[in-house]
């Protein structure tokens, strides 16, 4: 696990300072994905792997002043950028591993994860940990502002059959981790899988 953490921290740590400037037009896509999560005023929500906190303002707007917004990330530099951008005003920033969250069982109503699943070292185990902290009937949004094919083209690679975000792989993975896949969208302009926490 330490090796996985080191690799993730190294990858994102050196990119943190310019991260937001690389993706200046993603705001509306994040806001739309948060809206699809179906949060209500007063809900408690976690942005898992929050990076520089680009979803935090939309999450705060959805849950209102009485709700709770947490942003957890493994990379100190990313959280520092979130703080510099003032995003800590929208939610509490936590230096934490989403595979071992410092949260009580069933303490959240929802989890939002942008670009998260491809960086999970143990996807089934890590998704189980997210299920642990969400109440039965709570929701999970796995989001990316680009669909699988568009993202692969941007990165100069091809989609392979072992892609965890492919619907035939993601549905069973979620089911084995305490979630039920409710809806699946994979188009050039976005990837969004919504799941419900099962008992």
Protein backbone atom coordinates (compact mmCIF):
# COMPACT_ATOMS: atom_id res chain seq x y z
CA UNK A 1 0.00 0.00 0.00
CA UNK A 2 2.83 2.43 0.82
CA UNK A 3 4.25 1.97 -2.68
CA UNK A 4 0.87 2.80 -4.20
CA UNK A 5 0.65 5.91 -2.04
CA UNK A 6 4.13 7.01 -3.01
CA UNK A 7 3.38 6.62 -6.72
CA UNK A 8 0.10 8.57 -6.48
CA UNK A 9 1.65 11.33 -4.39
CA UNK A 10 4.57 11.66 -6.77
CA UNK A 11 2.32 11.79 -9.83
CA UNK A 12 -0.05 14.43 -8.45
CA UNK A 13 2.39 16.30 -6.23
CA UNK A 14 4.51 17.62 -9.09
CA UNK A 15 1.39 18.54 -11.09
CA UNK A 16 -0.58 20.24 -8.32
CA UNK A 17 0.54 23.84 -8.89
CA UNK A 18 -0.67 23.94 -12.49
CA UNK A 19 -3.54 21.47 -12.20
CA UNK A 20 -6.43 23.94 -12.41
CA UNK A 21 -4.91 25.82 -15.35
CA UNK A 22 -4.77 22.56 -17.32
CA UNK A 23 -8.56 22.16 -17.06
CA UNK A 24 -10.01 25.70 -17.02
CA UNK A 25 -13.39 24.83 -18.57
CA UNK A 26 -14.43 21.84 -16.44
CA UNK A 27 -16.57 23.80 -13.96
CA UNK A 28 -19.93 23.29 -15.69
CA UNK A 29 -19.30 19.55 -16.12
CA UNK A 30 -18.52 19.20 -12.42
CA UNK A 31 -21.65 21.17 -11.49
CA UNK A 32 -23.82 19.00 -13.74
CA UNK A 33 -22.40 15.78 -12.26
CA UNK A 34 -23.00 17.06 -8.73
CA UNK A 35 -26.59 17.92 -9.70
CA UNK A 36 -27.07 14.35 -10.99
CA UNK A 37 -25.93 13.01 -7.63
CA UNK A 38 -29.26 14.20 -6.21
CA UNK A 39 -28.03 15.76 -2.98
CA UNK A 40 -30.50 17.44 -0.63
CA UNK A 41 -30.07 20.33 1.78
CA UNK A 42 -28.53 19.07 5.00
CA UNK A 43 -26.83 16.04 3.42
CA UNK A 44 -23.28 14.97 4.30
CA UNK A 45 -21.07 14.34 1.27
CA UNK A 46 -17.45 13.39 0.63
CA UNK A 47 -15.42 14.38 -2.40
CA UNK A 48 -13.12 11.35 -2.49
CA UNK A 49 -9.78 12.16 -4.08
CA UNK A 50 -10.80 15.80 -4.23
CA UNK A 51 -7.51 17.06 -5.69
CA UNK A 52 -7.63 20.84 -5.82
CA UNK A 53 -11.27 20.80 -4.74
CA UNK A 54 -12.97 21.75 -7.99
CA UNK A 55 -16.24 20.06 -6.96
CA UNK A 56 -16.45 21.50 -3.45
CA UNK A 57 -18.36 24.69 -4.28
CA UNK A 58 -21.01 22.75 -6.22
CA UNK A 59 -21.28 20.21 -3.41
CA UNK A 60 -21.69 23.00 -0.86
CA UNK A 61 -24.38 24.68 -2.97
CA UNK A 62 -26.26 21.37 -3.17
CA UNK A 63 -26.23 20.58 0.57
CA UNK A 64 -26.56 24.17 1.77
CA UNK A 65 -25.14 25.72 4.93
CA UNK A 66 -26.57 22.99 7.17
CA UNK A 67 -24.95 20.19 5.17
CA UNK A 68 -21.46 18.78 5.58
CA UNK A 69 -18.88 18.76 2.79
CA UNK A 70 -15.56 16.94 3.13
CA UNK A 71 -12.76 16.82 0.59
CA UNK A 72 -10.24 14.02 1.12
CA UNK A 73 -7.04 13.58 -0.83
CA UNK A 74 -3.79 11.69 -0.40
CA UNK A 75 -1.56 14.41 -1.88
CA UNK A 76 -0.63 17.35 0.40
CA UNK A 77 0.25 19.55 -2.58
CA UNK A 78 -3.22 19.13 -4.08
CA UNK A 79 -4.87 20.08 -0.79
CA UNK A 80 -2.53 23.07 -0.49
CA UNK A 81 -3.70 24.26 -3.92
CA UNK A 82 -7.32 23.78 -2.84
CA UNK A 83 -6.62 25.94 0.19
CA UNK A 84 -4.88 28.64 -1.89
CA UNK A 85 -7.90 28.72 -4.22
CA UNK A 86 -10.18 29.32 -1.21
CA UNK A 87 -12.01 26.03 -1.67
CA UNK A 88 -11.60 25.17 2.00
CA UNK A 89 -14.46 27.64 2.61
CA UNK A 90 -16.81 25.24 0.83
CA UNK A 91 -15.75 22.12 2.72
CA UNK A 92 -13.32 20.67 5.21
CA UNK A 93 -10.11 19.46 3.58
CA UNK A 94 -8.67 16.17 4.88
CA UNK A 95 -5.30 14.60 4.13
CA UNK A 96 -6.58 11.03 3.98
CA UNK A 97 -6.48 7.79 2.05
CA UNK A 98 -9.91 6.98 0.59
CA UNK A 99 -9.07 3.34 1.28
CA UNK A 100 -8.94 4.03 5.05
CA UNK A 101 -11.19 6.95 5.83
CA UNK A 102 -11.24 8.53 9.29
CA UNK A 103 -15.06 8.48 9.29
CA UNK A 104 -17.72 6.57 11.20
CA UNK A 105 -19.73 3.87 9.40
CA UNK A 106 -22.84 5.16 7.60
CA UNK A 107 -21.99 8.78 8.43
CA UNK A 108 -22.43 10.11 4.88
CA UNK A 109 -25.28 10.45 2.41
CA UNK A 110 -23.11 10.43 -0.70
CA UNK A 111 -19.65 10.24 -2.21
CA UNK A 112 -18.44 12.10 -5.29
CA UNK A 113 -15.31 10.80 -7.04
CA UNK A 114 -13.90 12.67 -10.02
CA UNK A 115 -11.26 10.70 -11.91
CA UNK A 116 -11.02 8.48 -8.86
CA UNK A 117 -11.44 4.89 -9.96
CA UNK A 118 -8.39 4.68 -12.20
CA UNK A 119 -6.19 5.72 -9.26
CA UNK A 120 -7.52 3.24 -6.69
CA UNK A 121 -4.79 0.69 -5.88
CA UNK A 122 -7.34 -1.95 -4.82
CA UNK A 123 -10.61 -0.96 -6.50
CA UNK A 124 -12.96 -3.52 -4.89
CA UNK A 125 -11.50 -3.00 -1.42
CA UNK A 126 -11.45 0.78 -1.81
CA UNK A 127 -15.03 0.94 -3.08
CA UNK A 128 -16.03 -1.22 -0.09
CA UNK A 129 -14.49 1.39 2.18
CA UNK A 130 -16.55 4.10 0.50
CA UNK A 131 -19.64 1.93 1.01
CA UNK A 132 -18.75 1.55 4.70
CA UNK A 133 -19.09 5.28 5.34
CA UNK A 134 -22.33 5.76 3.35
CA UNK A 135 -25.80 5.00 4.70
CA UNK A 136 -27.98 2.39 3.00
CA UNK A 137 -29.62 4.06 0.02
CA UNK A 138 -26.87 6.68 -0.18
CA UNK A 139 -25.25 7.40 -3.53
CA UNK A 140 -21.90 7.31 -5.28
CA UNK A 141 -20.97 9.30 -8.38
CA UNK A 142 -17.91 8.23 -10.36
CA UNK A 143 -17.25 11.08 -12.76
CA UNK A 144 -14.82 12.32 -15.36
CA UNK A 145 -15.30 15.41 -17.56
CA UNK A 146 -14.31 13.31 -20.59
CA UNK A 147 -15.74 9.98 -21.69
CA UNK A 148 -13.51 6.92 -21.88
CA UNK A 149 -12.82 7.16 -25.61
CA UNK A 150 -12.14 10.91 -25.58
CA UNK A 151 -9.82 10.57 -22.59
CA UNK A 152 -7.93 7.69 -24.19
CA UNK A 153 -7.48 9.71 -27.40
CA UNK A 154 -6.23 12.70 -25.41
CA UNK A 155 -3.69 10.46 -23.66
CA UNK A 156 -2.62 8.81 -26.92
CA UNK A 157 -3.80 5.33 -26.00
CA UNK A 158 -6.60 2.93 -26.90
CA UNK A 159 -9.39 1.66 -24.70
CA UNK A 160 -8.75 -1.89 -23.59
CA UNK A 161 -11.12 -4.59 -22.35
CA UNK A 162 -9.68 -4.39 -18.86
CA UNK A 163 -10.76 -0.75 -18.36
CA UNK A 164 -12.48 -0.65 -14.97
CA UNK A 165 -14.87 2.03 -16.21
CA UNK A 166 -16.32 -0.17 -18.95
CA UNK A 167 -19.90 -0.92 -17.96
CA UNK A 168 -19.53 -4.74 -18.09
CA UNK A 169 -16.62 -4.49 -15.62
CA UNK A 170 -17.86 -1.61 -13.47
CA UNK A 171 -21.30 -3.03 -12.69
CA UNK A 172 -20.01 -6.28 -11.14
CA UNK A 173 -17.16 -4.45 -9.39
CA UNK A 174 -19.63 -2.11 -7.72
CA UNK A 175 -22.00 -4.97 -6.86
CA UNK A 176 -19.16 -6.86 -5.16
CA UNK A 177 -18.33 -3.72 -3.18
CA UNK A 178 -21.74 -2.92 -1.72
CA UNK A 179 -23.13 -0.74 -4.50
CA UNK A 180 -25.74 -1.16 -7.25
CA UNK A 181 -25.05 0.59 -10.54
CA UNK A 182 -28.08 2.78 -11.19
CA UNK A 183 -27.12 4.70 -14.32
CA UNK A 184 -24.18 4.81 -16.70
CA UNK A 185 -23.18 7.52 -19.16
CA UNK A 186 -20.07 7.33 -21.33
CA UNK A 187 -20.00 9.96 -24.05
CA UNK A 188 -17.29 12.29 -25.33
CA UNK A 189 -18.37 15.14 -23.05
CA UNK A 190 -18.44 13.10 -19.82
CA UNK A 191 -18.31 9.84 -17.96
CA UNK A 192 -20.74 9.41 -15.07
CA UNK A 193 -21.67 6.23 -13.22
CA UNK A 194 -24.20 6.61 -10.43
CA UNK A 195 -24.56 3.86 -7.85
CA UNK A 196 -26.71 3.26 -4.75
CA UNK A 197 -25.43 1.83 -1.46
CA UNK A 198 -26.93 -1.58 -0.79
CA UNK A 199 -27.57 -3.08 2.64
